PDB file of all heavy atoms in Angstrom:
ATOM      1  N   GLU A   1      40.986 145.693  55.565  1.00  0.00           N
ATOM      2  CA  GLU A   1      40.463 145.713  56.896  1.00  0.00           C
ATOM      3  C   GLU A   1      39.697 144.407  57.279  1.00  0.00           C
ATOM      4  O   GLU A   1      39.781 143.909  58.383  1.00  0.00           O
ATOM      5  CB  GLU A   1      39.421 146.876  57.054  1.00  0.00           C
ATOM      6  CG  GLU A   1      40.052 148.273  56.929  1.00  0.00           C
ATOM      7  CD  GLU A   1      40.658 148.725  58.205  1.00  0.00           C
ATOM      8  OE1 GLU A   1      40.806 147.989  59.182  1.00  0.00           O
ATOM      9  OE2 GLU A   1      40.982 149.988  58.318  1.00  0.00           O
ATOM     10  N   GLN A   2      39.022 143.844  56.325  1.00  0.00           N
ATOM     11  CA  GLN A   2      38.266 142.633  56.477  1.00  0.00           C
ATOM     12  C   GLN A   2      38.251 141.826  55.184  1.00  0.00           C
ATOM     13  O   GLN A   2      37.793 142.378  54.138  1.00  0.00           O
ATOM     14  CB  GLN A   2      36.809 142.973  56.944  1.00  0.00           C
ATOM     15  CG  GLN A   2      35.987 141.867  57.416  1.00  0.00           C
ATOM     16  CD  GLN A   2      34.613 142.310  57.874  1.00  0.00           C
ATOM     17  OE1 GLN A   2      34.469 143.537  58.261  1.00  0.00           O
ATOM     18  NE2 GLN A   2      33.612 141.442  57.917  1.00  0.00           N
ATOM     19  N   PRO A   3      38.655 140.571  55.138  1.00  0.00           N
ATOM     20  CA  PRO A   3      38.709 139.821  53.904  1.00  0.00           C
ATOM     21  C   PRO A   3      37.273 139.562  53.298  1.00  0.00           C
ATOM     22  O   PRO A   3      37.231 139.492  52.061  1.00  0.00           O
ATOM     23  CB  PRO A   3      39.355 138.487  54.334  1.00  0.00           C
ATOM     24  CG  PRO A   3      40.104 138.780  55.583  1.00  0.00           C
ATOM     25  CD  PRO A   3      39.328 139.807  56.279  1.00  0.00           C
ATOM     26  N   GLU A   4      36.288 139.571  54.148  1.00  0.00           N
ATOM     27  CA  GLU A   4      34.889 139.317  53.571  1.00  0.00           C
ATOM     28  C   GLU A   4      33.855 139.781  54.570  1.00  0.00           C
ATOM     29  O   GLU A   4      33.913 139.416  55.763  1.00  0.00           O
ATOM     30  CB  GLU A   4      34.762 137.861  53.231  1.00  0.00           C
ATOM     31  CG  GLU A   4      33.430 137.578  52.512  1.00  0.00           C
ATOM     32  CD  GLU A   4      33.328 136.100  52.127  1.00  0.00           C
ATOM     33  OE1 GLU A   4      34.300 135.329  52.384  1.00  0.00           O
ATOM     34  OE2 GLU A   4      32.295 135.726  51.493  1.00  0.00           O
ATOM     35  N   ASP A   5      32.943 140.676  54.065  1.00  0.00           N
ATOM     36  CA  ASP A   5      31.884 141.097  54.965  1.00  0.00           C
ATOM     37  C   ASP A   5      30.636 140.252  54.683  1.00  0.00           C
ATOM     38  O   ASP A   5      30.672 139.264  53.943  1.00  0.00           O
ATOM     39  CB  ASP A   5      31.533 142.610  54.759  1.00  0.00           C
ATOM     40  CG  ASP A   5      31.088 142.918  53.314  1.00  0.00           C
ATOM     41  OD1 ASP A   5      30.879 141.982  52.537  1.00  0.00           O
ATOM     42  OD2 ASP A   5      30.915 144.107  53.045  1.00  0.00           O
ATOM     43  N   GLU A   6      29.447 140.601  55.193  1.00  0.00           N
ATOM     44  CA  GLU A   6      28.265 139.833  55.087  1.00  0.00           C
ATOM     45  C   GLU A   6      27.811 139.747  53.655  1.00  0.00           C
ATOM     46  O   GLU A   6      27.050 138.839  53.227  1.00  0.00           O
ATOM     47  CB  GLU A   6      27.131 140.357  55.979  1.00  0.00           C
ATOM     48  CG  GLU A   6      26.694 141.768  55.692  1.00  0.00           C
ATOM     49  CD  GLU A   6      27.545 142.767  56.496  1.00  0.00           C
ATOM     50  OE1 GLU A   6      28.618 142.336  57.084  1.00  0.00           O
ATOM     51  OE2 GLU A   6      27.219 143.964  56.518  1.00  0.00           O
ATOM     52  N   SER A   7      28.217 140.702  52.796  1.00  0.00           N
ATOM     53  CA  SER A   7      27.865 140.711  51.369  1.00  0.00           C
ATOM     54  C   SER A   7      28.866 140.015  50.498  1.00  0.00           C
ATOM     55  O   SER A   7      28.766 139.975  49.267  1.00  0.00           O
ATOM     56  CB  SER A   7      27.652 142.195  50.917  1.00  0.00           C
ATOM     57  OG  SER A   7      26.678 142.817  51.699  1.00  0.00           O
ATOM     58  N   GLY A   8      29.934 139.521  51.144  1.00  0.00           N
ATOM     59  CA  GLY A   8      30.985 138.895  50.379  1.00  0.00           C
ATOM     60  C   GLY A   8      32.037 139.748  49.811  1.00  0.00           C
ATOM     61  O   GLY A   8      32.944 139.342  49.045  1.00  0.00           O
ATOM     62  N   ASN A   9      32.011 141.057  50.151  1.00  0.00           N
ATOM     63  CA  ASN A   9      33.021 142.009  49.619  1.00  0.00           C
ATOM     64  C   ASN A   9      34.201 142.132  50.568  1.00  0.00           C
ATOM     65  O   ASN A   9      34.034 141.958  51.804  1.00  0.00           O
ATOM     66  CB  ASN A   9      32.378 143.406  49.449  1.00  0.00           C
ATOM     67  CG  ASN A   9      31.318 143.434  48.376  1.00  0.00           C
ATOM     68  OD1 ASN A   9      31.487 142.839  47.305  1.00  0.00           O
ATOM     69  ND2 ASN A   9      30.198 144.014  48.686  1.00  0.00           N
ATOM     70  N   VAL A  10      35.379 142.443  50.008  1.00  0.00           N
ATOM     71  CA  VAL A  10      36.538 142.791  50.820  1.00  0.00           C
ATOM     72  C   VAL A  10      36.391 144.260  51.316  1.00  0.00           C
ATOM     73  O   VAL A  10      36.149 145.109  50.504  1.00  0.00           O
ATOM     74  CB  VAL A  10      37.808 142.630  49.957  1.00  0.00           C
ATOM     75  CG1 VAL A  10      39.037 142.914  50.821  1.00  0.00           C
ATOM     76  CG2 VAL A  10      37.943 141.270  49.395  1.00  0.00           C
ATOM     77  N   VAL A  11      36.549 144.442  52.581  1.00  0.00           N
ATOM     78  CA  VAL A  11      36.478 145.780  53.152  1.00  0.00           C
ATOM     79  C   VAL A  11      37.851 146.413  53.131  1.00  0.00           C
ATOM     80  O   VAL A  11      38.778 145.848  53.760  1.00  0.00           O
ATOM     81  CB  VAL A  11      35.859 145.828  54.585  1.00  0.00           C
ATOM     82  CG1 VAL A  11      35.788 147.233  55.105  1.00  0.00           C
ATOM     83  CG2 VAL A  11      34.484 145.117  54.568  1.00  0.00           C
ATOM     84  N   LEU A  12      37.980 147.578  52.483  1.00  0.00           N
ATOM     85  CA  LEU A  12      39.245 148.173  52.334  1.00  0.00           C
ATOM     86  C   LEU A  12      39.345 149.589  52.983  1.00  0.00           C
ATOM     87  O   LEU A  12      38.328 150.222  53.271  1.00  0.00           O
ATOM     88  CB  LEU A  12      39.567 148.405  50.832  1.00  0.00           C
ATOM     89  CG  LEU A  12      39.538 147.140  49.862  1.00  0.00           C
ATOM     90  CD1 LEU A  12      39.605 147.582  48.445  1.00  0.00           C
ATOM     91  CD2 LEU A  12      40.626 146.172  50.276  1.00  0.00           C
ATOM     92  N   SER A  13      40.589 150.015  53.201  1.00  0.00           N
ATOM     93  CA  SER A  13      40.837 151.292  53.750  1.00  0.00           C
ATOM     94  C   SER A  13      41.877 152.007  52.954  1.00  0.00           C
ATOM     95  O   SER A  13      43.020 151.546  52.903  1.00  0.00           O
ATOM     96  CB  SER A  13      41.248 151.267  55.236  1.00  0.00           C
ATOM     97  OG  SER A  13      41.704 152.548  55.670  1.00  0.00           O
ATOM     98  N   MET A  14      41.545 153.092  52.270  1.00  0.00           N
ATOM     99  CA  MET A  14      42.541 153.808  51.473  1.00  0.00           C
ATOM    100  C   MET A  14      43.325 154.789  52.365  1.00  0.00           C
ATOM    101  O   MET A  14      44.495 155.044  52.187  1.00  0.00           O
ATOM    102  CB  MET A  14      41.851 154.604  50.387  1.00  0.00           C
ATOM    103  CG  MET A  14      41.389 153.729  49.216  1.00  0.00           C
ATOM    104  SD  MET A  14      40.475 154.646  47.927  1.00  0.00           S
ATOM    105  CE  MET A  14      41.773 155.751  47.378  1.00  0.00           C
ATOM    106  N   SER A  15      42.672 155.338  53.466  1.00  0.00           N
ATOM    107  CA  SER A  15      43.346 156.237  54.339  1.00  0.00           C
ATOM    108  C   SER A  15      44.445 155.528  55.119  1.00  0.00           C
ATOM    109  O   SER A  15      45.551 156.074  55.296  1.00  0.00           O
ATOM    110  CB  SER A  15      42.361 156.901  55.288  1.00  0.00           C
ATOM    111  OG  SER A  15      41.746 155.883  56.147  1.00  0.00           O
ATOM    112  N   ARG A  16      44.181 154.322  55.552  1.00  0.00           N
ATOM    113  CA  ARG A  16      45.185 153.536  56.256  1.00  0.00           C
ATOM    114  C   ARG A  16      46.278 153.099  55.332  1.00  0.00           C
ATOM    115  O   ARG A  16      47.468 152.953  55.773  1.00  0.00           O
ATOM    116  CB  ARG A  16      44.588 152.383  56.983  1.00  0.00           C
ATOM    117  CG  ARG A  16      45.527 151.679  57.898  1.00  0.00           C
ATOM    118  CD  ARG A  16      44.810 150.765  58.911  1.00  0.00           C
ATOM    119  NE  ARG A  16      45.764 150.121  59.768  1.00  0.00           N
ATOM    120  CZ  ARG A  16      45.462 149.213  60.726  1.00  0.00           C
ATOM    121  NH1 ARG A  16      44.208 148.841  60.904  1.00  0.00           N
ATOM    122  NH2 ARG A  16      46.386 148.654  61.473  1.00  0.00           N
ATOM    123  N   ALA A  17      45.989 152.878  54.059  1.00  0.00           N
ATOM    124  CA  ALA A  17      47.002 152.456  53.095  1.00  0.00           C
ATOM    125  C   ALA A  17      48.070 153.521  52.914  1.00  0.00           C
ATOM    126  O   ALA A  17      49.242 153.223  52.748  1.00  0.00           O
ATOM    127  CB  ALA A  17      46.330 152.172  51.785  1.00  0.00           C
ATOM    128  N   VAL A  18      47.642 154.795  53.028  1.00  0.00           N
ATOM    129  CA  VAL A  18      48.601 155.932  52.881  1.00  0.00           C
ATOM    130  C   VAL A  18      49.581 155.832  54.068  1.00  0.00           C
ATOM    131  O   VAL A  18      50.809 155.919  53.811  1.00  0.00           O
ATOM    132  CB  VAL A  18      47.859 157.277  52.921  1.00  0.00           C
ATOM    133  CG1 VAL A  18      48.869 158.427  52.980  1.00  0.00           C
ATOM    134  CG2 VAL A  18      46.949 157.420  51.731  1.00  0.00           C
ATOM    135  N   SER A  19      49.057 155.608  55.239  1.00  0.00           N
ATOM    136  CA  SER A  19      49.989 155.507  56.435  1.00  0.00           C
ATOM    137  C   SER A  19      50.848 154.265  56.326  1.00  0.00           C
ATOM    138  O   SER A  19      52.062 154.382  56.639  1.00  0.00           O
ATOM    139  CB  SER A  19      49.096 155.428  57.725  1.00  0.00           C
ATOM    140  OG  SER A  19      49.871 155.187  58.834  1.00  0.00           O
ATOM    141  N   GLU A  20      50.353 153.149  55.839  1.00  0.00           N
ATOM    142  CA  GLU A  20      51.052 151.875  55.738  1.00  0.00           C
ATOM    143  C   GLU A  20      52.225 152.080  54.678  1.00  0.00           C
ATOM    144  O   GLU A  20      53.339 151.673  54.935  1.00  0.00           O
ATOM    145  CB  GLU A  20      50.198 150.768  55.277  1.00  0.00           C
ATOM    146  CG  GLU A  20      49.228 150.272  56.311  1.00  0.00           C
ATOM    147  CD  GLU A  20      49.980 149.626  57.550  1.00  0.00           C
ATOM    148  OE1 GLU A  20      50.944 148.858  57.327  1.00  0.00           O
ATOM    149  OE2 GLU A  20      49.658 150.020  58.660  1.00  0.00           O
ATOM    150  N   ARG A  21      51.938 152.806  53.617  1.00  0.00           N
ATOM    151  CA  ARG A  21      52.997 153.013  52.617  1.00  0.00           C
ATOM    152  C   ARG A  21      54.034 153.959  53.204  1.00  0.00           C
ATOM    153  O   ARG A  21      55.239 153.796  52.893  1.00  0.00           O
ATOM    154  CB  ARG A  21      52.393 153.598  51.381  1.00  0.00           C
ATOM    155  CG  ARG A  21      51.524 152.657  50.598  1.00  0.00           C
ATOM    156  CD  ARG A  21      51.232 153.146  49.177  1.00  0.00           C
ATOM    157  NE  ARG A  21      52.415 152.990  48.356  1.00  0.00           N
ATOM    158  CZ  ARG A  21      52.588 153.613  47.155  1.00  0.00           C
ATOM    159  NH1 ARG A  21      51.637 154.417  46.712  1.00  0.00           N
ATOM    160  NH2 ARG A  21      53.663 153.380  46.447  1.00  0.00           N
ATOM    161  N   ASP A  22      53.714 154.903  54.016  1.00  0.00           N
ATOM    162  CA  ASP A  22      54.684 155.788  54.683  1.00  0.00           C
ATOM    163  C   ASP A  22      55.524 154.944  55.600  1.00  0.00           C
ATOM    164  O   ASP A  22      56.766 155.194  55.702  1.00  0.00           O
ATOM    165  CB  ASP A  22      53.922 156.894  55.373  1.00  0.00           C
ATOM    166  CG  ASP A  22      53.401 157.962  54.472  1.00  0.00           C
ATOM    167  OD1 ASP A  22      53.835 157.991  53.309  1.00  0.00           O
ATOM    168  OD2 ASP A  22      52.455 158.702  54.894  1.00  0.00           O
ATOM    169  N   TRP A  23      54.959 154.038  56.400  1.00  0.00           N
ATOM    170  CA  TRP A  23      55.731 153.190  57.283  1.00  0.00           C
ATOM    171  C   TRP A  23      56.673 152.304  56.509  1.00  0.00           C
ATOM    172  O   TRP A  23      57.793 152.120  56.889  1.00  0.00           O
ATOM    173  CB  TRP A  23      54.795 152.314  58.191  1.00  0.00           C
ATOM    174  CG  TRP A  23      54.240 153.049  59.357  1.00  0.00           C
ATOM    175  CD1 TRP A  23      52.924 153.340  59.612  1.00  0.00           C
ATOM    176  CD2 TRP A  23      54.943 153.559  60.472  1.00  0.00           C
ATOM    177  NE1 TRP A  23      52.791 154.009  60.775  1.00  0.00           N
ATOM    178  CE2 TRP A  23      54.037 154.185  61.353  1.00  0.00           C
ATOM    179  CE3 TRP A  23      56.319 153.557  60.810  1.00  0.00           C
ATOM    180  CZ2 TRP A  23      54.394 154.798  62.573  1.00  0.00           C
ATOM    181  CZ3 TRP A  23      56.696 154.169  62.027  1.00  0.00           C
ATOM    182  CH2 TRP A  23      55.748 154.752  62.864  1.00  0.00           C
ATOM    183  N   GLU A  24      56.213 151.776  55.338  1.00  0.00           N
ATOM    184  CA  GLU A  24      57.092 150.941  54.540  1.00  0.00           C
ATOM    185  C   GLU A  24      58.279 151.732  54.018  1.00  0.00           C
ATOM    186  O   GLU A  24      59.416 151.197  53.988  1.00  0.00           O
ATOM    187  CB  GLU A  24      56.278 150.349  53.403  1.00  0.00           C
ATOM    188  CG  GLU A  24      55.303 149.200  53.768  1.00  0.00           C
ATOM    189  CD  GLU A  24      54.635 148.619  52.545  1.00  0.00           C
ATOM    190  OE1 GLU A  24      54.851 149.096  51.417  1.00  0.00           O
ATOM    191  OE2 GLU A  24      53.901 147.618  52.767  1.00  0.00           O
ATOM    192  N   ARG A  25      58.016 152.957  53.665  1.00  0.00           N
ATOM    193  CA  ARG A  25      59.092 153.857  53.177  1.00  0.00           C
ATOM    194  C   ARG A  25      60.015 154.109  54.276  1.00  0.00           C
ATOM    195  O   ARG A  25      61.281 154.082  54.106  1.00  0.00           O
ATOM    196  CB  ARG A  25      58.560 155.166  52.627  1.00  0.00           C
ATOM    197  CG  ARG A  25      59.626 156.059  52.060  1.00  0.00           C
ATOM    198  CD  ARG A  25      59.127 157.482  51.774  1.00  0.00           C
ATOM    199  NE  ARG A  25      60.189 158.327  51.322  1.00  0.00           N
ATOM    200  CZ  ARG A  25      60.223 159.640  51.579  1.00  0.00           C
ATOM    201  NH1 ARG A  25      59.232 160.204  52.221  1.00  0.00           N
ATOM    202  NH2 ARG A  25      61.259 160.353  51.179  1.00  0.00           N
ATOM    203  N   ALA A  26      59.546 154.370  55.496  1.00  0.00           N
ATOM    204  CA  ALA A  26      60.409 154.683  56.631  1.00  0.00           C
ATOM    205  C   ALA A  26      61.335 153.477  56.922  1.00  0.00           C
ATOM    206  O   ALA A  26      62.480 153.612  57.262  1.00  0.00           O
ATOM    207  CB  ALA A  26      59.539 155.053  57.825  1.00  0.00           C
ATOM    208  N   GLU A  27      60.704 152.267  56.890  1.00  0.00           N
ATOM    209  CA  GLU A  27      61.450 151.050  57.162  1.00  0.00           C
ATOM    210  C   GLU A  27      62.557 150.777  56.111  1.00  0.00           C
ATOM    211  O   GLU A  27      63.649 150.399  56.407  1.00  0.00           O
ATOM    212  CB  GLU A  27      60.475 149.823  57.243  1.00  0.00           C
ATOM    213  CG  GLU A  27      59.630 149.873  58.501  1.00  0.00           C
ATOM    214  CD  GLU A  27      58.513 148.797  58.451  1.00  0.00           C
ATOM    215  OE1 GLU A  27      58.216 148.268  57.407  1.00  0.00           O
ATOM    216  OE2 GLU A  27      57.942 148.579  59.538  1.00  0.00           O
ATOM    217  N   GLU A  28      62.218 151.160  54.888  1.00  0.00           N
ATOM    218  CA  GLU A  28      63.222 150.959  53.772  1.00  0.00           C
ATOM    219  C   GLU A  28      64.326 152.045  54.004  1.00  0.00           C
ATOM    220  O   GLU A  28      65.506 151.666  53.771  1.00  0.00           O
ATOM    221  CB  GLU A  28      62.522 151.252  52.423  1.00  0.00           C
ATOM    222  CG  GLU A  28      63.411 150.942  51.231  1.00  0.00           C
ATOM    223  CD  GLU A  28      62.695 151.096  49.911  1.00  0.00           C
ATOM    224  OE1 GLU A  28      61.442 150.874  49.929  1.00  0.00           O
ATOM    225  OE2 GLU A  28      63.366 151.388  48.877  1.00  0.00           O
ATOM    226  N   LEU A  29      64.005 153.230  54.317  1.00  0.00           N
ATOM    227  CA  LEU A  29      65.076 154.264  54.586  1.00  0.00           C
ATOM    228  C   LEU A  29      65.962 153.856  55.725  1.00  0.00           C
ATOM    229  O   LEU A  29      67.160 154.036  55.702  1.00  0.00           O
ATOM    230  CB  LEU A  29      64.366 155.595  54.894  1.00  0.00           C
ATOM    231  CG  LEU A  29      63.640 156.261  53.748  1.00  0.00           C
ATOM    232  CD1 LEU A  29      62.914 157.539  54.231  1.00  0.00           C
ATOM    233  CD2 LEU A  29      64.620 156.657  52.604  1.00  0.00           C
ATOM    234  N   TYR A  30      65.340 153.208  56.762  1.00  0.00           N
ATOM    235  CA  TYR A  30      66.103 152.755  57.903  1.00  0.00           C
ATOM    236  C   TYR A  30      67.042 151.577  57.506  1.00  0.00           C
ATOM    237  O   TYR A  30      68.210 151.582  57.871  1.00  0.00           O
ATOM    238  CB  TYR A  30      65.164 152.307  59.019  1.00  0.00           C
ATOM    239  CG  TYR A  30      65.812 151.638  60.182  1.00  0.00           C
ATOM    240  CD1 TYR A  30      66.557 152.403  61.069  1.00  0.00           C
ATOM    241  CD2 TYR A  30      65.729 150.213  60.364  1.00  0.00           C
ATOM    242  CE1 TYR A  30      67.219 151.790  62.156  1.00  0.00           C
ATOM    243  CE2 TYR A  30      66.388 149.667  61.444  1.00  0.00           C
ATOM    244  CZ  TYR A  30      67.119 150.403  62.338  1.00  0.00           C
ATOM    245  OH  TYR A  30      67.779 149.801  63.388  1.00  0.00           O
ATOM    246  N   ALA A  31      66.512 150.638  56.784  1.00  0.00           N
ATOM    247  CA  ALA A  31      67.284 149.482  56.307  1.00  0.00           C
ATOM    248  C   ALA A  31      68.509 149.877  55.478  1.00  0.00           C
ATOM    249  O   ALA A  31      69.588 149.269  55.644  1.00  0.00           O
ATOM    250  CB  ALA A  31      66.410 148.474  55.560  1.00  0.00           C
ATOM    251  N   HIS A  32      68.304 150.819  54.613  1.00  0.00           N
ATOM    252  CA  HIS A  32      69.413 151.225  53.686  1.00  0.00           C
ATOM    253  C   HIS A  32      70.140 152.409  54.218  1.00  0.00           C
ATOM    254  O   HIS A  32      71.126 152.904  53.564  1.00  0.00           O
ATOM    255  CB  HIS A  32      68.825 151.521  52.297  1.00  0.00           C
ATOM    256  CG  HIS A  32      68.239 150.358  51.617  1.00  0.00           C
ATOM    257  ND1 HIS A  32      66.968 150.012  51.714  1.00  0.00           N
ATOM    258  CD2 HIS A  32      68.847 149.406  50.836  1.00  0.00           C
ATOM    259  CE1 HIS A  32      66.693 148.934  50.984  1.00  0.00           C
ATOM    260  NE2 HIS A  32      67.834 148.505  50.466  1.00  0.00           N
ATOM    261  N   GLN A  33      69.744 153.002  55.377  1.00  0.00           N
ATOM    262  CA  GLN A  33      70.403 154.200  55.965  1.00  0.00           C
ATOM    263  C   GLN A  33      70.553 155.306  54.869  1.00  0.00           C
ATOM    264  O   GLN A  33      71.636 155.882  54.761  1.00  0.00           O
ATOM    265  CB  GLN A  33      71.726 153.795  56.581  1.00  0.00           C
ATOM    266  CG  GLN A  33      71.572 153.116  57.872  1.00  0.00           C
ATOM    267  CD  GLN A  33      70.894 154.005  58.947  1.00  0.00           C
ATOM    268  OE1 GLN A  33      71.466 154.900  59.487  1.00  0.00           O
ATOM    269  NE2 GLN A  33      69.607 153.686  59.201  1.00  0.00           N
ATOM    270  N   THR A  34      69.450 155.545  54.203  1.00  0.00           N
ATOM    271  CA  THR A  34      69.430 156.550  53.158  1.00  0.00           C
ATOM    272  C   THR A  34      69.313 157.963  53.765  1.00  0.00           C
ATOM    273  O   THR A  34      68.552 158.176  54.741  1.00  0.00           O
ATOM    274  CB  THR A  34      68.220 156.340  52.253  1.00  0.00           C
ATOM    275  OG1 THR A  34      68.290 154.972  51.712  1.00  0.00           O
ATOM    276  CG2 THR A  34      68.265 157.272  50.998  1.00  0.00           C
ATOM    277  N   VAL A  35      70.025 158.949  53.197  1.00  0.00           N
ATOM    278  CA  VAL A  35      69.922 160.310  53.656  1.00  0.00           C
ATOM    279  C   VAL A  35      68.727 160.974  52.927  1.00  0.00           C
ATOM    280  O   VAL A  35      68.582 160.886  51.722  1.00  0.00           O
ATOM    281  CB  VAL A  35      71.200 161.108  53.374  1.00  0.00           C
ATOM    282  CG1 VAL A  35      71.031 162.573  53.812  1.00  0.00           C
ATOM    283  CG2 VAL A  35      72.346 160.486  54.081  1.00  0.00           C
ATOM    284  N   VAL A  36      67.833 161.596  53.721  1.00  0.00           N
ATOM    285  CA  VAL A  36      66.600 162.248  53.258  1.00  0.00           C
ATOM    286  C   VAL A  36      66.647 163.737  53.602  1.00  0.00           C
ATOM    287  O   VAL A  36      67.299 164.086  54.606  1.00  0.00           O
ATOM    288  CB  VAL A  36      65.334 161.594  53.834  1.00  0.00           C
ATOM    289  CG1 VAL A  36      64.135 162.107  53.115  1.00  0.00           C
ATOM    290  CG2 VAL A  36      65.432 160.071  53.784  1.00  0.00           C
ATOM    291  N   GLU A  37      66.032 164.524  52.773  1.00  0.00           N
ATOM    292  CA  GLU A  37      65.937 165.972  53.112  1.00  0.00           C
ATOM    293  C   GLU A  37      64.437 166.384  53.208  1.00  0.00           C
ATOM    294  O   GLU A  37      63.683 166.115  52.257  1.00  0.00           O
ATOM    295  CB  GLU A  37      66.610 166.801  52.066  1.00  0.00           C
ATOM    296  CG  GLU A  37      68.167 166.730  52.083  1.00  0.00           C
ATOM    297  CD  GLU A  37      68.843 167.767  51.221  1.00  0.00           C
ATOM    298  OE1 GLU A  37      68.064 168.467  50.499  1.00  0.00           O
ATOM    299  OE2 GLU A  37      70.079 167.812  51.204  1.00  0.00           O
ATOM    300  N   GLU A  38      64.036 166.919  54.302  1.00  0.00           N
ATOM    301  CA  GLU A  38      62.654 167.393  54.532  1.00  0.00           C
ATOM    302  C   GLU A  38      62.671 168.633  55.333  1.00  0.00           C
ATOM    303  O   GLU A  38      63.657 168.884  56.073  1.00  0.00           O
ATOM    304  CB  GLU A  38      61.788 166.385  55.196  1.00  0.00           C
ATOM    305  CG  GLU A  38      61.559 165.085  54.375  1.00  0.00           C
ATOM    306  CD  GLU A  38      60.622 165.223  53.164  1.00  0.00           C
ATOM    307  OE1 GLU A  38      60.031 166.370  52.992  1.00  0.00           O
ATOM    308  OE2 GLU A  38      60.571 164.274  52.338  1.00  0.00           O
ATOM    309  N   LYS A  39      61.608 169.412  55.314  1.00  0.00           N
ATOM    310  CA  LYS A  39      61.551 170.606  56.121  1.00  0.00           C
ATOM    311  C   LYS A  39      61.012 170.373  57.524  1.00  0.00           C
ATOM    312  O   LYS A  39      60.237 169.446  57.749  1.00  0.00           O
ATOM    313  CB  LYS A  39      60.578 171.591  55.475  1.00  0.00           C
ATOM    314  CG  LYS A  39      61.108 172.266  54.203  1.00  0.00           C
ATOM    315  CD  LYS A  39      60.160 173.317  53.655  1.00  0.00           C
ATOM    316  CE  LYS A  39      60.698 173.946  52.381  1.00  0.00           C
ATOM    317  NZ  LYS A  39      59.777 174.938  51.785  1.00  0.00           N
ATOM    318  N   VAL A  40      61.481 171.126  58.537  1.00  0.00           N
ATOM    319  CA  VAL A  40      61.043 171.069  59.858  1.00  0.00           C
ATOM    320  C   VAL A  40      59.616 171.629  59.945  1.00  0.00           C
ATOM    321  O   VAL A  40      59.371 172.722  59.523  1.00  0.00           O
ATOM    322  CB  VAL A  40      61.957 171.836  60.824  1.00  0.00           C
ATOM    323  CG1 VAL A  40      61.447 171.874  62.226  1.00  0.00           C
ATOM    324  CG2 VAL A  40      63.375 171.260  60.795  1.00  0.00           C
ATOM    325  N   ALA A  41      58.716 170.826  60.439  1.00  0.00           N
ATOM    326  CA  ALA A  41      57.302 171.203  60.456  1.00  0.00           C
ATOM    327  C   ALA A  41      56.850 171.791  61.790  1.00  0.00           C
ATOM    328  O   ALA A  41      55.847 172.465  61.895  1.00  0.00           O
ATOM    329  CB  ALA A  41      56.443 169.973  60.125  1.00  0.00           C
ATOM    330  N   GLY A  42      57.583 171.498  62.851  1.00  0.00           N
ATOM    331  CA  GLY A  42      57.245 171.994  64.148  1.00  0.00           C
ATOM    332  C   GLY A  42      58.231 171.536  65.253  1.00  0.00           C
ATOM    333  O   GLY A  42      59.336 171.080  64.900  1.00  0.00           O
ATOM    334  N   PHE A  43      57.827 171.625  66.467  1.00  0.00           N
ATOM    335  CA  PHE A  43      58.765 171.270  67.574  1.00  0.00           C
ATOM    336  C   PHE A  43      57.981 170.963  68.878  1.00  0.00           C
ATOM    337  O   PHE A  43      56.812 171.315  68.932  1.00  0.00           O
ATOM    338  CB  PHE A  43      59.779 172.395  67.824  1.00  0.00           C
ATOM    339  CG  PHE A  43      59.182 173.714  68.160  1.00  0.00           C
ATOM    340  CD1 PHE A  43      58.850 174.019  69.498  1.00  0.00           C
ATOM    341  CD2 PHE A  43      58.912 174.591  67.162  1.00  0.00           C
ATOM    342  CE1 PHE A  43      58.233 175.225  69.819  1.00  0.00           C
ATOM    343  CE2 PHE A  43      58.322 175.866  67.494  1.00  0.00           C
ATOM    344  CZ  PHE A  43      57.948 176.159  68.786  1.00  0.00           C
ATOM    345  N   ASN A  44      58.617 170.345  69.760  1.00  0.00           N
ATOM    346  CA  ASN A  44      58.127 170.178  71.123  1.00  0.00           C
ATOM    347  C   ASN A  44      59.275 170.475  72.104  1.00  0.00           C
ATOM    348  O   ASN A  44      60.311 170.968  71.629  1.00  0.00           O
ATOM    349  CB  ASN A  44      57.498 168.773  71.379  1.00  0.00           C
ATOM    350  CG  ASN A  44      58.483 167.716  71.164  1.00  0.00           C
ATOM    351  OD1 ASN A  44      59.687 167.830  71.328  1.00  0.00           O
ATOM    352  ND2 ASN A  44      57.981 166.511  70.690  1.00  0.00           N
ATOM    353  N   LYS A  45      59.032 170.153  73.344  1.00  0.00           N
ATOM    354  CA  LYS A  45      60.097 170.599  74.301  1.00  0.00           C
ATOM    355  C   LYS A  45      61.448 169.898  74.143  1.00  0.00           C
ATOM    356  O   LYS A  45      62.451 170.378  74.646  1.00  0.00           O
ATOM    357  CB  LYS A  45      59.602 170.441  75.734  1.00  0.00           C
ATOM    358  CG  LYS A  45      59.384 169.006  76.140  1.00  0.00           C
ATOM    359  CD  LYS A  45      58.875 168.903  77.562  1.00  0.00           C
ATOM    360  CE  LYS A  45      58.660 167.470  78.035  1.00  0.00           C
ATOM    361  NZ  LYS A  45      58.219 167.391  79.382  1.00  0.00           N
TER     362      LYS A  45
END
């Protein structure tokens, strides 16, 4: 999130990392056109 704060520490986000890894996986599946199987979780109109 931030390379260095006022204390000199790198500020990290683990919750956002989960989302980023999911996006990376989605991009990889798209690039290779891999067939995936998952359950339907819900719907909209």
